[in-house]
C-alpha atoms as a PDB file:
ATOM      1  CA  MET A   1     103.328  89.975 123.109  1.00  0.00           C
ATOM      2  CA  TYR A   2     102.328  92.416 120.367  1.00  0.00           C
ATOM      3  CA  ARG A   3     103.543  95.384 122.412  1.00  0.00           C
ATOM      4  CA  ALA A   4     106.888  93.697 123.043  1.00  0.00           C
ATOM      5  CA  LYS A   5     107.346  93.024 119.336  1.00  0.00           C
ATOM      6  CA  ARG A   6     106.493  96.586 118.370  1.00  0.00           C
ATOM      7  CA  THR A   7     108.816  98.217 120.870  1.00  0.00           C
ATOM      8  CA  GLY A   8     111.658  95.991 119.713  1.00  0.00           C
ATOM      9  CA  GLY A   9     112.911  95.270 123.203  1.00  0.00           C
ATOM     10  CA  GLY A  10     111.473  91.769 123.401  1.00  0.00           C
ATOM     11  CA  VAL A  11     109.874  92.477 126.785  1.00  0.00           C
ATOM     12  CA  ALA A  12     106.671  94.227 127.834  1.00  0.00           C
ATOM     13  CA  VAL A  13     105.250  94.367 131.346  1.00  0.00           C
ATOM     14  CA  PHE A  14     101.608  93.394 131.745  1.00  0.00           C
ATOM     15  CA  ASP A  15      99.684  95.652 134.114  1.00  0.00           C
ATOM     16  CA  PRO A  16      96.558  93.809 135.356  1.00  0.00           C
ATOM     17  CA  ALA A  17      95.134  96.963 136.952  1.00  0.00           C
ATOM     18  CA  ALA A  18      95.360  98.923 133.704  1.00  0.00           C
ATOM     19  CA  ALA A  19      93.907  96.020 131.729  1.00  0.00           C
ATOM     20  CA  ALA A  20      90.987  95.758 134.138  1.00  0.00           C
ATOM     21  CA  LEU A  21      90.270  99.467 133.759  1.00  0.00           C
ATOM     22  CA  GLN A  22      90.431  99.390 129.969  1.00  0.00           C
ATOM     23  CA  PRO A  23      89.350  95.955 128.731  1.00  0.00           C
ATOM     24  CA  GLY A  24      87.773  97.452 125.625  1.00  0.00           C
ATOM     25  CA  ARG A  25      90.956  99.283 124.688  1.00  0.00           C
ATOM     26  CA  VAL A  26      93.082  96.175 125.101  1.00  0.00           C
ATOM     27  CA  SER A  27      90.686  94.177 122.918  1.00  0.00           C
ATOM     28  CA  LEU A  28      90.532  96.953 120.319  1.00  0.00           C
ATOM     29  CA  GLU A  29      94.324  97.153 120.178  1.00  0.00           C
ATOM     30  CA  THR A  30      94.535  93.418 119.548  1.00  0.00           C
ATOM     31  CA  ASP A  31      91.913  93.672 116.821  1.00  0.00           C
ATOM     32  CA  LEU A  32      93.670  96.638 115.214  1.00  0.00           C
ATOM     33  CA  TYR A  33      96.889  94.640 115.063  1.00  0.00           C
ATOM     34  CA  HIS A  34      95.119  92.217 112.666  1.00  0.00           C
ATOM     35  CA  ALA A  35      92.875  94.728 110.878  1.00  0.00           C
ATOM     36  CA  LEU A  36      95.255  95.430 108.007  1.00  0.00           C
ATOM     37  CA  ASP A  37      95.983  91.770 107.251  1.00  0.00           C
ATOM     38  CA  ARG A  38      92.294  90.932 107.409  1.00  0.00           C
ATOM     39  CA  GLY A  39      91.335  93.647 104.948  1.00  0.00           C
ATOM     40  CA  GLU A  40      89.196  95.546 107.442  1.00  0.00           C
ATOM     41  CA  LEU A  41      90.713  98.952 106.674  1.00  0.00           C
ATOM     42  CA  GLU A  42      89.395 100.967 103.771  1.00  0.00           C
ATOM     43  CA  LEU A  43      89.785 104.451 102.361  1.00  0.00           C
ATOM     44  CA  HIS A  44      87.021 106.965 101.940  1.00  0.00           C
ATOM     45  CA  TYR A  45      87.543 110.033  99.792  1.00  0.00           C
ATOM     46  CA  GLN A  46      86.262 113.545 100.470  1.00  0.00           C
ATOM     47  CA  PRO A  47      86.143 115.732  97.353  1.00  0.00           C
ATOM     48  CA  LEU A  48      88.060 118.996  97.002  1.00  0.00           C
ATOM     49  CA  PHE A  49      86.705 121.827  94.861  1.00  0.00           C
ATOM     50  CA  ARG A  50      88.270 124.905  93.343  1.00  0.00           C
ATOM     51  CA  ALA A  51      86.820 128.031  94.910  1.00  0.00           C
ATOM     52  CA  GLY A  52      84.751 130.077  92.499  1.00  0.00           C
ATOM     53  CA  THR A  53      84.227 127.535  89.728  1.00  0.00           C
ATOM     54  CA  ARG A  54      83.435 124.644  92.125  1.00  0.00           C
ATOM     55  CA  GLU A  55      85.400 122.365  89.779  1.00  0.00           C
ATOM     56  CA  LEU A  56      86.460 119.041  91.292  1.00  0.00           C
ATOM     57  CA  VAL A  57      90.229 119.148  91.726  1.00  0.00           C
ATOM     58  CA  GLY A  58      90.821 116.037  93.806  1.00  0.00           C
ATOM     59  CA  ALA A  59      90.155 114.324  97.097  1.00  0.00           C
ATOM     60  CA  GLU A  60      91.520 113.740 100.568  1.00  0.00           C
ATOM     61  CA  ALA A  61      92.050 110.084 101.489  1.00  0.00           C
ATOM     62  CA  LEU A  62      90.637 109.213 104.919  1.00  0.00           C
ATOM     63  CA  CYS A  63      91.222 105.866 106.621  1.00  0.00           C
ATOM     64  CA  ARG A  64      88.213 103.950 107.955  1.00  0.00           C
ATOM     65  CA  TRP A  65      88.031 100.728 109.969  1.00  0.00           C
ATOM     66  CA  ARG A  66      85.126  98.374 109.336  1.00  0.00           C
ATOM     67  CA  HIS A  67      85.293  96.175 112.430  1.00  0.00           C
ATOM     68  CA  PRO A  68      83.666  92.731 112.003  1.00  0.00           C
ATOM     69  CA  ARG A  69      81.725  93.073 115.296  1.00  0.00           C
ATOM     70  CA  LEU A  70      81.621  96.766 116.090  1.00  0.00           C
ATOM     71  CA  GLY A  71      80.952  98.094 112.611  1.00  0.00           C
ATOM     72  CA  MET A  72      82.634 101.344 111.620  1.00  0.00           C
ATOM     73  CA  VAL A  73      85.074 102.401 114.344  1.00  0.00           C
ATOM     74  CA  SER A  74      85.595 106.157 114.586  1.00  0.00           C
ATOM     75  CA  PRO A  75      89.012 107.380 113.365  1.00  0.00           C
ATOM     76  CA  ALA A  76      89.065 109.515 116.513  1.00  0.00           C
ATOM     77  CA  GLU A  77      89.264 106.252 118.422  1.00  0.00           C
ATOM     78  CA  PHE A  78      91.559 104.044 116.390  1.00  0.00           C
ATOM     79  CA  ILE A  79      94.014 106.554 114.907  1.00  0.00           C
ATOM     80  CA  PRO A  80      95.357 107.638 118.335  1.00  0.00           C
ATOM     81  CA  LEU A  81      95.533 103.956 119.278  1.00  0.00           C
ATOM     82  CA  ALA A  82      97.536 103.255 116.134  1.00  0.00           C
ATOM     83  CA  GLU A  83      99.812 106.187 116.976  1.00  0.00           C
ATOM     84  CA  ASN A  84     100.467 104.997 120.518  1.00  0.00           C
ATOM     85  CA  THR A  85     101.170 101.402 119.535  1.00  0.00           C
ATOM     86  CA  GLY A  86     103.289 102.066 116.455  1.00  0.00           C
ATOM     87  CA  LEU A  87     100.732 100.451 114.148  1.00  0.00           C
ATOM     88  CA  ILE A  88     100.445 103.789 112.374  1.00  0.00           C
ATOM     89  CA  LEU A  89     103.617 102.910 110.434  1.00  0.00           C
ATOM     90  CA  PRO A  90     102.235  99.932 108.476  1.00  0.00           C
ATOM     91  CA  ILE A  91      98.786 101.527 108.330  1.00  0.00           C
ATOM     92  CA  GLY A  92     100.226 104.808 107.046  1.00  0.00           C
ATOM     93  CA  ALA A  93     102.263 103.009 104.387  1.00  0.00           C
ATOM     94  CA  TRP A  94      99.141 101.130 103.254  1.00  0.00           C
ATOM     95  CA  VAL A  95      97.080 104.344 103.123  1.00  0.00           C
ATOM     96  CA  LEU A  96      99.690 106.095 100.981  1.00  0.00           C
ATOM     97  CA  ASN A  97      99.996 103.208  98.541  1.00  0.00           C
ATOM     98  CA  GLU A  98      96.228 102.630  98.271  1.00  0.00           C
ATOM     99  CA  ALA A  99      95.541 106.342  97.791  1.00  0.00           C
ATOM    100  CA  CYS A 100      98.139 106.497  95.011  1.00  0.00           C
ATOM    101  CA  ARG A 101      96.685 103.401  93.377  1.00  0.00           C
ATOM    102  CA  GLN A 102      93.209 104.931  93.359  1.00  0.00           C
ATOM    103  CA  LEU A 103      94.469 108.281  92.114  1.00  0.00           C
ATOM    104  CA  ALA A 104      96.306 106.622  89.233  1.00  0.00           C
ATOM    105  CA  GLN A 105      93.079 104.904  88.225  1.00  0.00           C
ATOM    106  CA  TRP A 106      91.087 108.144  88.296  1.00  0.00           C
ATOM    107  CA  ARG A 107      93.760 110.094  86.437  1.00  0.00           C
ATOM    108  CA  THR A 108      93.474 107.871  83.370  1.00  0.00           C
ATOM    109  CA  LEU A 109      90.330 109.870  82.540  1.00  0.00           C
ATOM    110  CA  HIS A 110      90.849 112.936  84.735  1.00  0.00           C
ATOM    111  CA  PRO A 111      94.581 113.744  84.680  1.00  0.00           C
ATOM    112  CA  HIS A 112      94.176 116.994  86.621  1.00  0.00           C
ATOM    113  CA  LEU A 113      93.086 115.329  89.878  1.00  0.00           C
ATOM    114  CA  GLN A 114      95.211 115.463  93.037  1.00  0.00           C
ATOM    115  CA  MET A 115      95.169 113.401  96.231  1.00  0.00           C
ATOM    116  CA  GLY A 116      95.671 114.568  99.788  1.00  0.00           C
ATOM    117  CA  VAL A 117      97.191 112.062 102.220  1.00  0.00           C
ATOM    118  CA  ASN A 118      97.728 112.678 105.927  1.00  0.00           C
ATOM    119  CA  LEU A 119     101.146 111.853 107.371  1.00  0.00           C
ATOM    120  CA  SER A 120     101.364 110.995 111.044  1.00  0.00           C
ATOM    121  CA  PRO A 121     104.087 112.589 113.192  1.00  0.00           C
ATOM    122  CA  ARG A 122     105.155 109.040 114.024  1.00  0.00           C
ATOM    123  CA  GLN A 123     105.866 108.368 110.346  1.00  0.00           C
ATOM    124  CA  PHE A 124     108.495 111.112 110.360  1.00  0.00           C
ATOM    125  CA  TRP A 125     110.571 109.055 112.770  1.00  0.00           C
ATOM    126  CA  ASN A 126     110.773 106.347 110.105  1.00  0.00           C
ATOM    127  CA  PRO A 127     114.038 106.777 108.139  1.00  0.00           C
ATOM    128  CA  GLN A 128     112.397 105.066 105.157  1.00  0.00           C
ATOM    129  CA  LEU A 129     109.589 107.626 104.782  1.00  0.00           C
ATOM    130  CA  VAL A 130     111.006 109.391 101.735  1.00  0.00           C
ATOM    131  CA  GLN A 131     111.793 106.080 100.037  1.00  0.00           C
ATOM    132  CA  SER A 132     108.282 104.779 100.681  1.00  0.00           C
ATOM    133  CA  VAL A 133     106.746 107.898  99.126  1.00  0.00           C
ATOM    134  CA  GLN A 134     109.054 107.557  96.115  1.00  0.00           C
ATOM    135  CA  ALA A 135     108.121 103.875  95.795  1.00  0.00           C
ATOM    136  CA  ALA A 136     104.378 104.636  95.853  1.00  0.00           C
ATOM    137  CA  LEU A 137     104.759 107.280  93.136  1.00  0.00           C
ATOM    138  CA  THR A 138     106.919 105.026  90.974  1.00  0.00           C
ATOM    139  CA  THR A 139     104.747 101.941  91.409  1.00  0.00           C
ATOM    140  CA  HIS A 140     101.631 103.759  90.246  1.00  0.00           C
ATOM    141  CA  GLY A 141     103.280 105.994  87.667  1.00  0.00           C
ATOM    142  CA  LEU A 142     102.335 109.281  89.333  1.00  0.00           C
ATOM    143  CA  PRO A 143     104.123 112.626  89.183  1.00  0.00           C
ATOM    144  CA  GLY A 144     104.867 113.937  92.641  1.00  0.00           C
ATOM    145  CA  SER A 145     102.943 117.144  91.954  1.00  0.00           C
ATOM    146  CA  CYS A 146      99.582 115.358  92.105  1.00  0.00           C
ATOM    147  CA  VAL A 147     100.085 114.215  95.705  1.00  0.00           C
ATOM    148  CA  VAL A 148      99.632 116.560  98.656  1.00  0.00           C
ATOM    149  CA  LEU A 149     101.071 115.296 101.925  1.00  0.00           C
ATOM    150  CA  GLU A 150      99.318 116.867 104.898  1.00  0.00           C
ATOM    151  CA  ILE A 151     101.302 117.326 108.095  1.00  0.00           C
ATOM    152  CA  THR A 152     100.495 118.816 111.490  1.00  0.00           C
ATOM    153  CA  GLU A 153     102.354 121.410 113.521  1.00  0.00           C
ATOM    154  CA  SER A 154     103.545 118.715 115.924  1.00  0.00           C
ATOM    155  CA  VAL A 155     105.773 117.361 113.147  1.00  0.00           C
ATOM    156  CA  LEU A 156     107.455 120.737 112.774  1.00  0.00           C
ATOM    157  CA  MET A 157     107.810 121.157 116.531  1.00  0.00           C
ATOM    158  CA  ASN A 158     108.827 117.702 117.723  1.00  0.00           C
ATOM    159  CA  VAL A 159     110.736 115.938 114.944  1.00  0.00           C
ATOM    160  CA  PRO A 160     114.398 117.069 115.020  1.00  0.00           C
ATOM    161  CA  ASP A 161     115.150 116.465 111.336  1.00  0.00           C
ATOM    162  CA  ALA A 162     111.696 117.411 110.014  1.00  0.00           C
ATOM    163  CA  GLU A 163     113.072 120.187 107.834  1.00  0.00           C
ATOM    164  CA  ALA A 164     115.519 117.875 106.039  1.00  0.00           C
ATOM    165  CA  THR A 165     112.840 115.214 105.526  1.00  0.00           C
ATOM    166  CA  LEU A 166     110.381 117.761 104.146  1.00  0.00           C
ATOM    167  CA  ARG A 167     112.975 119.088 101.733  1.00  0.00           C
ATOM    168  CA  HIS A 168     113.669 115.556 100.486  1.00  0.00           C
ATOM    169  CA  LEU A 169     109.934 115.072  99.969  1.00  0.00           C
ATOM    170  CA  ARG A 170     109.685 118.338  98.058  1.00  0.00           C
ATOM    171  CA  ALA A 171     112.552 117.155  95.884  1.00  0.00           C
ATOM    172  CA  LEU A 172     110.243 114.330  94.770  1.00  0.00           C
ATOM    173  CA  GLY A 173     107.811 116.967  93.543  1.00  0.00           C
ATOM    174  CA  VAL A 174     105.109 116.262  96.131  1.00  0.00           C
ATOM    175  CA  ARG A 175     103.319 119.201  97.709  1.00  0.00           C
ATOM    176  CA  LEU A 176     103.279 119.799 101.454  1.00  0.00           C
ATOM    177  CA  SER A 177     100.311 121.212 103.321  1.00  0.00           C
ATOM    178  CA  LEU A 178     100.217 122.357 106.952  1.00  0.00           C
ATOM    179  CA  ASP A 179      97.029 120.808 108.329  1.00  0.00           C
ATOM    180  CA  ASP A 180      94.761 122.301 111.004  1.00  0.00           C
ATOM    181  CA  PHE A 181      96.509 125.651 110.784  1.00  0.00           C
ATOM    182  CA  GLY A 182      95.694 127.895 113.718  1.00  0.00           C
ATOM    183  CA  THR A 183      94.787 125.213 116.252  1.00  0.00           C
ATOM    184  CA  GLY A 184      98.261 124.961 117.793  1.00  0.00           C
ATOM    185  CA  TYR A 185     101.068 127.443 118.213  1.00  0.00           C
ATOM    186  CA  SER A 186     100.945 128.400 114.531  1.00  0.00           C
ATOM    187  CA  SER A 187     104.355 130.031 114.661  1.00  0.00           C
ATOM    188  CA  LEU A 188     104.859 132.208 111.619  1.00  0.00           C
ATOM    189  CA  SER A 189     108.447 130.991 111.496  1.00  0.00           C
ATOM    190  CA  TYR A 190     107.109 127.612 110.318  1.00  0.00           C
ATOM    191  CA  LEU A 191     105.675 129.205 107.200  1.00  0.00           C
ATOM    192  CA  ASN A 192     108.983 130.878 106.417  1.00  0.00           C
ATOM    193  CA  ARG A 193     111.368 128.091 107.399  1.00  0.00           C
ATOM    194  CA  PHE A 194     109.774 124.913 106.062  1.00  0.00           C
ATOM    195  CA  PRO A 195     109.186 124.140 102.346  1.00  0.00           C
ATOM    196  CA  LEU A 196     105.392 124.227 102.546  1.00  0.00           C
ATOM    197  CA  THR A 197     103.202 124.776  99.495  1.00  0.00           C
ATOM    198  CA  SER A 198      99.827 125.249 101.186  1.00  0.00           C
ATOM    199  CA  LEU A 199      97.997 125.325 104.473  1.00  0.00           C
ATOM    200  CA  LYS A 200      94.596 124.140 105.594  1.00  0.00           C
ATOM    201  CA  ILE A 201      92.370 126.293 107.772  1.00  0.00           C
ATOM    202  CA  ASP A 202      90.787 124.188 110.503  1.00  0.00           C
ATOM    203  CA  ARG A 203      87.019 123.766 110.579  1.00  0.00           C
ATOM    204  CA  SER A 204      86.872 125.385 114.016  1.00  0.00           C
ATOM    205  CA  PHE A 205      87.570 128.771 112.397  1.00  0.00           C
ATOM    206  CA  LEU A 206      84.318 128.545 110.450  1.00  0.00           C
ATOM    207  CA  GLN A 207      82.179 128.365 113.563  1.00  0.00           C
ATOM    208  CA  GLY A 208      80.191 131.567 113.712  1.00  0.00           C
ATOM    209  CA  VAL A 209      80.952 132.574 110.125  1.00  0.00           C
ATOM    210  CA  THR A 210      77.854 134.149 108.602  1.00  0.00           C
ATOM    211  CA  GLY A 211      79.512 136.210 105.904  1.00  0.00           C
ATOM    212  CA  ASP A 212      79.538 139.431 107.909  1.00  0.00           C
ATOM    213  CA  PRO A 213      82.852 141.111 106.946  1.00  0.00           C
ATOM    214  CA  HIS A 214      82.940 142.814 110.353  1.00  0.00           C
ATOM    215  CA  GLY A 215      82.590 139.573 112.324  1.00  0.00           C
ATOM    216  CA  THR A 216      85.569 138.348 114.327  1.00  0.00           C
ATOM    217  CA  PRO A 217      85.760 134.867 112.673  1.00  0.00           C
ATOM    218  CA  GLU A 218      85.590 136.519 109.273  1.00  0.00           C
ATOM    219  CA  LYS A 219      88.404 138.935 110.103  1.00  0.00           C
ATOM    220  CA  VAL A 220      90.654 136.124 111.347  1.00  0.00           C
ATOM    221  CA  ILE A 221      90.100 134.023 108.233  1.00  0.00           C
ATOM    222  CA  GLN A 222      90.701 136.979 105.952  1.00  0.00           C
ATOM    223  CA  ALA A 223      93.971 137.745 107.751  1.00  0.00           C
ATOM    224  CA  VAL A 224      95.125 134.145 107.329  1.00  0.00           C
ATOM    225  CA  MET A 225      94.282 134.275 103.621  1.00  0.00           C
ATOM    226  CA  LEU A 226      96.287 137.466 103.139  1.00  0.00           C
ATOM    227  CA  LEU A 227      99.271 136.061 105.014  1.00  0.00           C
ATOM    228  CA  ALA A 228      99.250 132.753 103.141  1.00  0.00           C
ATOM    229  CA  HIS A 229      98.950 134.332  99.717  1.00  0.00           C
ATOM    230  CA  ALA A 230     101.714 136.818 100.538  1.00  0.00           C
ATOM    231  CA  LEU A 231     103.928 133.761 101.119  1.00  0.00           C
ATOM    232  CA  ASP A 232     102.740 132.079  97.882  1.00  0.00           C
ATOM    233  CA  LEU A 233     100.840 129.407  99.800  1.00  0.00           C
ATOM    234  CA  HIS A 234      97.529 128.009  98.591  1.00  0.00           C
ATOM    235  CA  VAL A 235      94.743 127.768 101.165  1.00  0.00           C
ATOM    236  CA  THR A 236      92.289 124.914 101.637  1.00  0.00           C
ATOM    237  CA  THR A 237      89.350 125.550 103.948  1.00  0.00           C
ATOM    238  CA  GLU A 238      87.815 122.447 105.487  1.00  0.00           C
ATOM    239  CA  GLY A 239      84.550 122.011 107.351  1.00  0.00           C
ATOM    240  CA  ILE A 240      82.396 124.080 105.007  1.00  0.00           C
ATOM    241  CA  GLU A 241      78.791 123.236 105.862  1.00  0.00           C
ATOM    242  CA  THR A 242      76.699 126.224 104.761  1.00  0.00           C
ATOM    243  CA  PRO A 243      76.360 128.246 101.539  1.00  0.00           C
ATOM    244  CA  GLU A 244      77.243 131.386 103.514  1.00  0.00           C
ATOM    245  CA  GLN A 245      80.555 129.889 104.611  1.00  0.00           C
ATOM    246  CA  ALA A 246      81.444 128.801 101.077  1.00  0.00           C
ATOM    247  CA  ALA A 247      80.530 132.190  99.625  1.00  0.00           C
ATOM    248  CA  PHE A 248      82.618 134.013 102.224  1.00  0.00           C
ATOM    249  CA  ILE A 249      85.703 131.851 101.643  1.00  0.00           C
ATOM    250  CA  GLU A 250      85.424 132.478  97.921  1.00  0.00           C
ATOM    251  CA  GLU A 251      84.982 136.219  98.513  1.00  0.00           C
ATOM    252  CA  VAL A 252      88.187 136.491 100.561  1.00  0.00           C
ATOM    253  CA  GLY A 253      90.255 134.500  98.075  1.00  0.00           C
ATOM    254  CA  GLY A 254      90.269 130.915  99.331  1.00  0.00           C
ATOM    255  CA  ASP A 255      91.686 128.426  96.859  1.00  0.00           C
ATOM    256  CA  ILE A 256      90.176 125.034  97.715  1.00  0.00           C
ATOM    257  CA  LEU A 257      86.863 124.192  99.387  1.00  0.00           C
ATOM    258  CA  GLN A 258      86.222 121.060 101.431  1.00  0.00           C
ATOM    259  CA  GLY A 259      83.242 120.137 103.576  1.00  0.00           C
ATOM    260  CA  TYR A 260      79.917 118.376 103.944  1.00  0.00           C
ATOM    261  CA  LEU A 261      78.126 121.098 101.970  1.00  0.00           C
ATOM    262  CA  LEU A 262      79.974 120.045  98.840  1.00  0.00           C
ATOM    263  CA  GLY A 263      80.681 116.371  99.507  1.00  0.00           C
ATOM    264  CA  ARG A 264      81.059 113.859 102.317  1.00  0.00           C
ATOM    265  CA  PRO A 265      83.771 111.183 102.491  1.00  0.00           C
ATOM    266  CA  VAL A 266      82.646 108.123 100.519  1.00  0.00           C
ATOM    267  CA  PRO A 267      84.188 104.860  99.267  1.00  0.00           C
ATOM    268  CA  ALA A 268      85.872 105.025  95.882  1.00  0.00           C
ATOM    269  CA  ASP A 269      82.971 103.347  94.078  1.00  0.00           C
ATOM    270  CA  GLN A 270      80.627 106.112  95.292  1.00  0.00           C
ATOM    271  CA  PHE A 271      82.939 109.008  94.511  1.00  0.00           C
ATOM    272  CA  ARG A 272      81.412 111.282  91.870  1.00  0.00           C
ATOM    273  CA  LEU A 273      83.805 112.071  89.041  1.00  0.00           C
ATOM    274  CA  PRO A 274      83.126 114.609  86.259  1.00  0.00           C
ATOM    275  CA  ASP A 275      81.272 113.302  83.207  1.00  0.00           C
END
């Protein structure tokens, strides 16, 4: 029934064989359908720090699901499920609004803070996306410049009118970051064609980084930094877990640091703000 409603066709075919093979998935999908209404979703915030000074500059909002029976369900499990079922649209709208609400509260004392919010490729098929972003900013009295919308390469590749949508979002003042840069096709034409303001180097690039300037991972990261800065793009490096990694990113000119070394994702009431 839920699948039929979401697809809008009024009909969905039940496949007993598929249900028998994946009873847990079917149950989890049903539970996820109610999770938002039941208040089971929550946001955790991972801090972002300016390279060099290590000053807190903001946070990335990350959705978590506290299931009443299963406990915390991994985002790696429920986010793809939300994508496939279309539930990512209401969930994504809630995440954006809640992140803006929290940011507005923090900015009363720390007006320099910014908030990163991930946008799903599925959200770009929603013709109301730009209006929903505008509504969230207006409702919470935020300037667009304090919100960074993170998108993946699949948006640029697979959404026909992605460029127009991104330009409308930039017109609101929000910043646009290309997430997980380097894990897909990473066409350089994306950096030139789309109105991006920053990119995020994926954590996988930090594997093997010891700070040796002659190491292959180090050379790749340094090349990305040079390219991004030549195009006036800021660079966030995620997945920083060792002092050597942080020191290297700062040495080669990284702008923002993110990772377990500096701060794990935590609920808002545990997020450490400057004194």
